């Protein structure tokens, strides 16, 4: 058994509303190094913890956690279309193991996944199918949210399962850090928006284009006085990264959802995927971790970070 971890921010605005060329080159260099490390490791399995942004999961049935035996990309924000390469039987074995650990998780045999899952797979492997991958979606944008301790316990259950495998496994967490794109809330929403949040699957190309245009427009003013969204919070981001890299994971049990939303933005809760990823790694034994990169990038509406870890 050999396990490595990478946690990355993702952003739908990469390539659509970029910062200066120097910053883009900086991020490209970091991602190229991360991809080279993945290729050198040559994982036999990827487990990716990811959020959804009202593309595959809606309020008609919104599970806190869901694992997929089959998944298809919705190809939003310039991401690749097509299926992921999911080892169905292994995903089912993992599901049963997680349930046996007293952690409730939903199961999908036909999941739709968006850029929150596929962008990181593309950036680190160049494909959606190069390596077998099991996606685990953690609700991170649709309140109410369960406590962070439950996310940690989910990760621990996954890690215990991975420890039974004689495989090279790459654990990915994708999302965050601080950010608040224009994602609507169900509470108080007009009927048209509420209906979308409840059952908005498979939108028309025109509807998807309009949604993308709204996100681009938000990126162009993000961090300025014209923007009503919560600004990026570099201090919060770096403190969170420090918590993970210094193996203080138990402290997430004290996280307060409302406090995080106010301090760093409502979509900062995508860091739940990072919590699960690190908890999975920690369940296999001691680990060593490092911060590879961090920059607050308003144009991408993201505190953009990359963190790596491996068994010590």
Protein backbone atom coordinates (compact mmCIF):
# COMPACT_ATOMS: atom_id res chain seq x y z
CA UNK A 1 0.00 0.00 0.00
CA UNK A 2 1.28 3.44 -0.94
CA UNK A 3 -0.87 6.56 -0.60
CA UNK A 4 -0.30 10.13 -1.71
CA UNK A 5 -2.58 13.16 -1.46
CA UNK A 6 -3.14 16.33 -3.40
CA UNK A 7 -5.67 19.01 -2.49
CA UNK A 8 -6.30 21.78 -5.01
CA UNK A 9 -8.59 24.73 -5.36
CA UNK A 10 -10.64 24.68 -8.53
CA UNK A 11 -12.14 27.60 -10.36
CA UNK A 12 -14.63 27.69 -13.24
CA UNK A 13 -13.08 30.99 -14.36
CA UNK A 14 -9.67 29.57 -15.24
CA UNK A 15 -9.24 30.43 -18.91
CA UNK A 16 -12.36 32.61 -18.91
CA UNK A 17 -11.44 35.51 -16.62
CA UNK A 18 -7.74 35.16 -15.95
CA UNK A 19 -5.52 37.38 -13.80
CA UNK A 20 -2.28 38.76 -15.24
CA UNK A 21 -0.05 36.55 -17.36
CA UNK A 22 2.55 36.27 -14.59
CA UNK A 23 0.01 34.77 -12.20
CA UNK A 24 -1.31 32.38 -14.85
CA UNK A 25 2.25 31.18 -15.57
CA UNK A 26 2.86 30.79 -11.85
CA UNK A 27 -0.19 28.56 -11.42
CA UNK A 28 0.58 26.65 -14.62
CA UNK A 29 4.05 25.87 -13.28
CA UNK A 30 2.66 24.60 -9.98
CA UNK A 31 0.07 22.44 -11.74
CA UNK A 32 2.68 21.05 -14.15
CA UNK A 33 4.81 19.99 -11.21
CA UNK A 34 1.81 18.40 -9.49
CA UNK A 35 0.91 16.52 -12.66
CA UNK A 36 4.50 15.29 -13.05
CA UNK A 37 4.40 13.96 -9.49
CA UNK A 38 1.12 12.15 -10.18
CA UNK A 39 2.54 10.61 -13.35
CA UNK A 40 5.66 9.48 -11.50
CA UNK A 41 3.51 7.91 -8.78
CA UNK A 42 1.34 6.21 -11.43
CA UNK A 43 -1.66 5.54 -9.18
CA UNK A 44 -3.61 2.34 -9.54
CA UNK A 45 -6.62 4.11 -8.03
CA UNK A 46 -7.74 7.69 -7.47
CA UNK A 47 -10.29 8.60 -4.81
CA UNK A 48 -11.53 12.12 -5.40
CA UNK A 49 -13.57 14.04 -2.84
CA UNK A 50 -15.39 16.82 -4.69
CA UNK A 51 -18.34 19.19 -4.38
CA UNK A 52 -21.24 19.68 -6.75
CA UNK A 53 -22.60 23.06 -7.87
CA UNK A 54 -26.24 22.23 -8.67
CA UNK A 55 -25.30 20.18 -11.70
CA UNK A 56 -25.69 16.60 -10.49
CA UNK A 57 -27.36 17.05 -7.11
CA UNK A 58 -30.44 19.13 -6.33
CA UNK A 59 -32.82 19.71 -3.45
CA UNK A 60 -35.26 17.12 -4.74
CA UNK A 61 -32.83 14.76 -3.02
CA UNK A 62 -29.70 16.33 -1.51
CA UNK A 63 -27.48 13.78 0.26
CA UNK A 64 -24.62 14.97 2.49
CA UNK A 65 -22.32 12.39 0.86
CA UNK A 66 -22.68 10.28 -2.28
CA UNK A 67 -20.38 7.74 -3.91
CA UNK A 68 -20.70 6.74 -7.56
CA UNK A 69 -20.23 3.47 -9.41
CA UNK A 70 -20.71 5.34 -12.71
CA UNK A 71 -20.46 9.04 -13.48
CA UNK A 72 -20.61 11.35 -16.49
CA UNK A 73 -19.16 14.85 -16.80
CA UNK A 74 -21.63 17.64 -17.58
CA UNK A 75 -18.74 19.42 -19.33
CA UNK A 76 -19.39 22.83 -17.78
CA UNK A 77 -16.87 25.67 -17.95
CA UNK A 78 -14.70 24.16 -20.68
CA UNK A 79 -14.19 20.84 -18.90
CA UNK A 80 -14.11 17.57 -20.81
CA UNK A 81 -17.28 15.61 -21.57
CA UNK A 82 -17.64 11.90 -21.10
CA UNK A 83 -17.63 9.21 -18.42
CA UNK A 84 -15.15 8.71 -15.60
CA UNK A 85 -13.35 5.37 -15.40
CA UNK A 86 -14.88 4.02 -12.19
CA UNK A 87 -14.14 0.50 -10.98
CA UNK A 88 -17.74 -0.43 -10.19
CA UNK A 89 -17.14 -3.44 -7.96
CA UNK A 90 -14.49 -1.66 -5.92
CA UNK A 91 -16.77 1.36 -5.47
CA UNK A 92 -19.49 -0.95 -4.18
CA UNK A 93 -17.05 -2.61 -1.78
CA UNK A 94 -16.03 0.83 -0.51
CA UNK A 95 -19.67 1.81 -0.05
CA UNK A 96 -20.39 -1.26 2.05
CA UNK A 97 -17.26 -0.68 4.12
CA UNK A 98 -18.19 2.96 4.80
CA UNK A 99 -21.68 1.95 5.90
CA UNK A 100 -20.20 -0.70 8.18
CA UNK A 101 -18.19 2.10 9.83
CA UNK A 102 -21.48 3.74 10.90
CA UNK A 103 -21.16 6.52 8.32
CA UNK A 104 -24.22 7.08 6.11
CA UNK A 105 -23.49 7.62 2.44
CA UNK A 106 -25.78 7.63 -0.61
CA UNK A 107 -25.01 5.53 -3.66
CA UNK A 108 -25.42 6.49 -7.31
CA UNK A 109 -25.17 4.22 -10.31
CA UNK A 110 -25.64 7.18 -12.69
CA UNK A 111 -24.15 10.37 -11.28
CA UNK A 112 -23.52 13.61 -13.12
CA UNK A 113 -20.38 15.45 -12.03
CA UNK A 114 -19.26 18.99 -12.83
CA UNK A 115 -16.06 21.03 -12.91
CA UNK A 116 -15.71 20.60 -9.14
CA UNK A 117 -14.71 17.01 -9.84
CA UNK A 118 -13.49 16.96 -13.43
CA UNK A 119 -11.25 20.05 -13.55
CA UNK A 120 -8.81 18.61 -11.04
CA UNK A 121 -8.78 15.21 -12.74
CA UNK A 122 -7.97 16.92 -16.04
CA UNK A 123 -5.27 19.13 -14.56
CA UNK A 124 -3.51 16.27 -12.79
CA UNK A 125 -3.95 13.46 -15.32
CA UNK A 126 -4.85 15.12 -18.63
CA UNK A 127 -7.98 13.00 -18.89
CA UNK A 128 -11.12 11.75 -17.16
CA UNK A 129 -10.20 8.13 -17.81
CA UNK A 130 -6.43 7.73 -17.57
CA UNK A 131 -6.66 6.15 -14.12
CA UNK A 132 -9.46 4.30 -12.33
CA UNK A 133 -11.18 6.86 -10.09
CA UNK A 134 -13.93 6.73 -7.49
CA UNK A 135 -15.70 10.07 -6.92
CA UNK A 136 -17.21 10.89 -3.54
CA UNK A 137 -19.31 14.05 -3.64
CA UNK A 138 -19.63 16.06 -0.43
CA UNK A 139 -22.43 18.61 -0.30
CA UNK A 140 -20.64 21.92 0.13
CA UNK A 141 -22.93 24.56 -1.38
CA UNK A 142 -26.50 23.57 -0.49
CA UNK A 143 -27.41 24.36 3.15
CA UNK A 144 -28.02 22.92 5.65
CA UNK A 145 -24.63 21.25 6.16
CA UNK A 146 -23.72 18.53 8.60
CA UNK A 147 -20.91 19.27 11.08
CA UNK A 148 -17.30 19.01 10.01
CA UNK A 149 -16.72 16.12 12.41
CA UNK A 150 -18.95 13.98 10.18
CA UNK A 151 -16.85 14.87 7.15
CA UNK A 152 -13.75 13.85 9.09
CA UNK A 153 -15.37 10.54 10.01
CA UNK A 154 -16.29 9.92 6.37
CA UNK A 155 -12.65 10.44 5.42
CA UNK A 156 -11.48 8.11 8.17
CA UNK A 157 -13.81 5.36 6.92
CA UNK A 158 -12.48 5.74 3.38
CA UNK A 159 -8.90 5.67 4.63
CA UNK A 160 -9.50 2.48 6.60
CA UNK A 161 -10.82 0.88 3.44
CA UNK A 162 -7.84 2.02 1.39
CA UNK A 163 -5.53 0.52 4.01
CA UNK A 164 -6.95 -2.90 3.10
CA UNK A 165 -5.89 -2.54 -0.53
CA UNK A 166 -2.48 -3.43 -1.87
CA UNK A 167 -2.50 -0.51 -4.30
CA UNK A 168 -0.90 2.82 -5.09
CA UNK A 169 -3.72 5.25 -4.26
CA UNK A 170 -3.93 8.97 -4.93
CA UNK A 171 -6.41 10.83 -2.72
CA UNK A 172 -7.67 14.12 -4.12
CA UNK A 173 -9.60 16.93 -2.46
CA UNK A 174 -10.86 19.68 -4.72
CA UNK A 175 -12.52 22.96 -3.81
CA UNK A 176 -12.19 26.13 -1.80
CA UNK A 177 -10.43 27.85 -0.39
CA UNK A 178 -12.10 31.13 0.60
CA UNK A 179 -14.57 32.23 -2.06
CA UNK A 180 -18.15 33.21 -2.68
CA UNK A 181 -19.29 33.00 -6.29
CA UNK A 182 -22.89 33.96 -7.16
CA UNK A 183 -24.48 30.69 -6.05
CA UNK A 184 -28.14 31.28 -5.12
CA UNK A 185 -29.73 30.21 -1.85
CA UNK A 186 -33.02 28.34 -1.73
CA UNK A 187 -34.25 30.35 1.24
CA UNK A 188 -36.14 33.36 -0.08
CA UNK A 189 -35.46 32.53 -3.73
CA UNK A 190 -38.06 33.48 -6.37
CA UNK A 191 -39.96 30.57 -7.88
CA UNK A 192 -37.82 30.31 -11.01
CA UNK A 193 -34.58 30.04 -8.99
CA UNK A 194 -36.16 27.75 -6.40
CA UNK A 195 -37.38 25.39 -9.10
CA UNK A 196 -33.89 25.25 -10.58
CA UNK A 197 -32.30 24.50 -7.19
CA UNK A 198 -34.83 21.75 -6.54
CA UNK A 199 -34.83 20.02 -9.93
CA UNK A 200 -32.62 21.79 -12.46
CA UNK A 201 -30.87 18.86 -14.12
CA UNK A 202 -29.82 18.93 -17.75
CA UNK A 203 -30.31 22.64 -18.49
CA UNK A 204 -30.47 23.89 -22.05
CA UNK A 205 -27.22 25.13 -23.60
CA UNK A 206 -28.67 28.64 -23.40
CA UNK A 207 -29.35 28.31 -19.67
CA UNK A 208 -25.85 26.95 -19.02
CA UNK A 209 -24.32 29.79 -21.06
CA UNK A 210 -26.29 32.37 -19.07
CA UNK A 211 -25.10 30.82 -15.82
CA UNK A 212 -21.50 30.94 -17.02
CA UNK A 213 -21.90 34.56 -18.06
CA UNK A 214 -23.13 35.49 -14.56
CA UNK A 215 -20.09 33.85 -12.99
CA UNK A 216 -17.71 35.63 -15.37
CA UNK A 217 -19.40 38.96 -14.61
CA UNK A 218 -18.99 38.30 -10.89
CA UNK A 219 -15.30 37.56 -11.38
CA UNK A 220 -14.74 40.86 -13.16
CA UNK A 221 -15.82 42.87 -10.09
CA UNK A 222 -14.92 40.45 -7.31
CA UNK A 223 -12.97 42.09 -4.51
CA UNK A 224 -14.02 45.61 -5.53
CA UNK A 225 -16.51 47.98 -3.89
CA UNK A 226 -19.00 47.03 -6.60
CA UNK A 227 -19.08 43.43 -5.36
CA UNK A 228 -21.49 42.38 -2.62
CA UNK A 229 -19.93 38.93 -2.18
CA UNK A 230 -17.71 38.07 0.80
CA UNK A 231 -14.09 38.89 -0.12
CA UNK A 232 -11.26 36.37 -0.15
CA UNK A 233 -9.62 35.79 3.22
CA UNK A 234 -5.94 34.95 2.91
CA UNK A 235 -5.50 34.76 6.67
CA UNK A 236 -8.26 32.15 7.02
CA UNK A 237 -6.94 30.14 4.08
CA UNK A 238 -3.37 29.98 5.35
CA UNK A 239 -4.52 29.07 8.86
CA UNK A 240 -6.58 26.21 7.42
CA UNK A 241 -3.66 24.95 5.35
CA UNK A 242 -1.43 25.15 8.42
CA UNK A 243 -3.93 23.08 10.41
CA UNK A 244 -3.83 20.31 7.80
CA UNK A 245 -0.11 20.29 7.15
CA UNK A 246 0.70 20.24 10.86
CA UNK A 247 -1.61 17.29 11.55
CA UNK A 248 -4.09 19.18 13.71
CA UNK A 249 -7.04 17.66 11.90
CA UNK A 250 -9.10 17.05 15.04
CA UNK A 251 -9.54 20.82 15.33
CA UNK A 252 -12.01 20.80 12.45
CA UNK A 253 -14.55 19.32 14.86
CA UNK A 254 -14.78 22.80 16.37
CA UNK A 255 -15.47 24.52 13.04
CA UNK A 256 -18.68 26.54 13.02
CA UNK A 257 -20.46 26.68 9.69
CA UNK A 258 -21.92 30.18 10.06
CA UNK A 259 -18.60 31.60 11.25
CA UNK A 260 -16.76 30.21 8.22
CA UNK A 261 -19.41 31.54 5.84
CA UNK A 262 -19.10 35.05 7.30
CA UNK A 263 -15.32 35.04 7.50
CA UNK A 264 -14.40 33.51 4.17
CA UNK A 265 -17.52 33.10 2.02
CA UNK A 266 -20.37 30.60 1.72
CA UNK A 267 -18.58 28.40 -0.81
CA UNK A 268 -15.54 28.10 1.42
CA UNK A 269 -17.27 24.98 2.71
CA UNK A 270 -15.80 23.18 -0.28
CA UNK A 271 -12.81 22.72 2.03
CA UNK A 272 -14.87 19.85 3.41
CA UNK A 273 -13.33 17.86 0.56
CA UNK A 274 -9.84 18.70 1.89
CA UNK A 275 -10.88 17.62 5.38
CA UNK A 276 -12.12 14.27 4.09
CA UNK A 277 -8.99 13.75 1.99
CA UNK A 278 -6.62 14.42 4.89
CA UNK A 279 -8.73 12.32 7.26
CA UNK A 280 -8.50 9.43 4.81
CA UNK A 281 -4.72 9.75 4.63
CA UNK A 282 -4.40 10.12 8.41
CA UNK A 283 -6.42 6.93 8.93
CA UNK A 284 -3.62 4.99 7.21
CA UNK A 285 -0.93 6.30 9.59
CA UNK A 286 1.29 9.36 10.13
CA UNK A 287 1.78 11.68 7.17
CA UNK A 288 4.05 14.47 6.04
CA UNK A 289 2.50 17.43 4.22
CA UNK A 290 3.58 20.63 2.51
CA UNK A 291 2.01 23.78 1.05
CA UNK A 292 2.99 23.92 -2.61
CA UNK A 293 1.26 27.18 -3.48
CA UNK A 294 -1.15 29.84 -2.31
CA UNK A 295 -2.41 33.08 -3.79
CA UNK A 296 -5.67 34.97 -3.38
CA UNK A 297 -6.91 35.48 -6.95
CA UNK A 298 -9.96 37.73 -7.22
CA UNK A 299 -10.38 37.15 -10.96
CA UNK A 300 -10.92 33.45 -10.24
CA UNK A 301 -13.05 34.14 -7.13
CA UNK A 302 -10.69 31.86 -5.24
CA UNK A 303 -8.14 31.65 -2.55
CA UNK A 304 -6.11 29.37 -4.79
CA UNK A 305 -4.03 26.73 -3.02
CA UNK A 306 -2.23 23.46 -3.69
CA UNK A 307 -1.19 21.13 -0.87
CA UNK A 308 0.53 17.73 -1.06
CA UNK A 309 1.00 14.96 1.49
CA UNK A 310 2.12 11.36 1.74
CA UNK A 311 2.57 8.63 4.29
CA UNK A 312 5.50 9.38 6.60
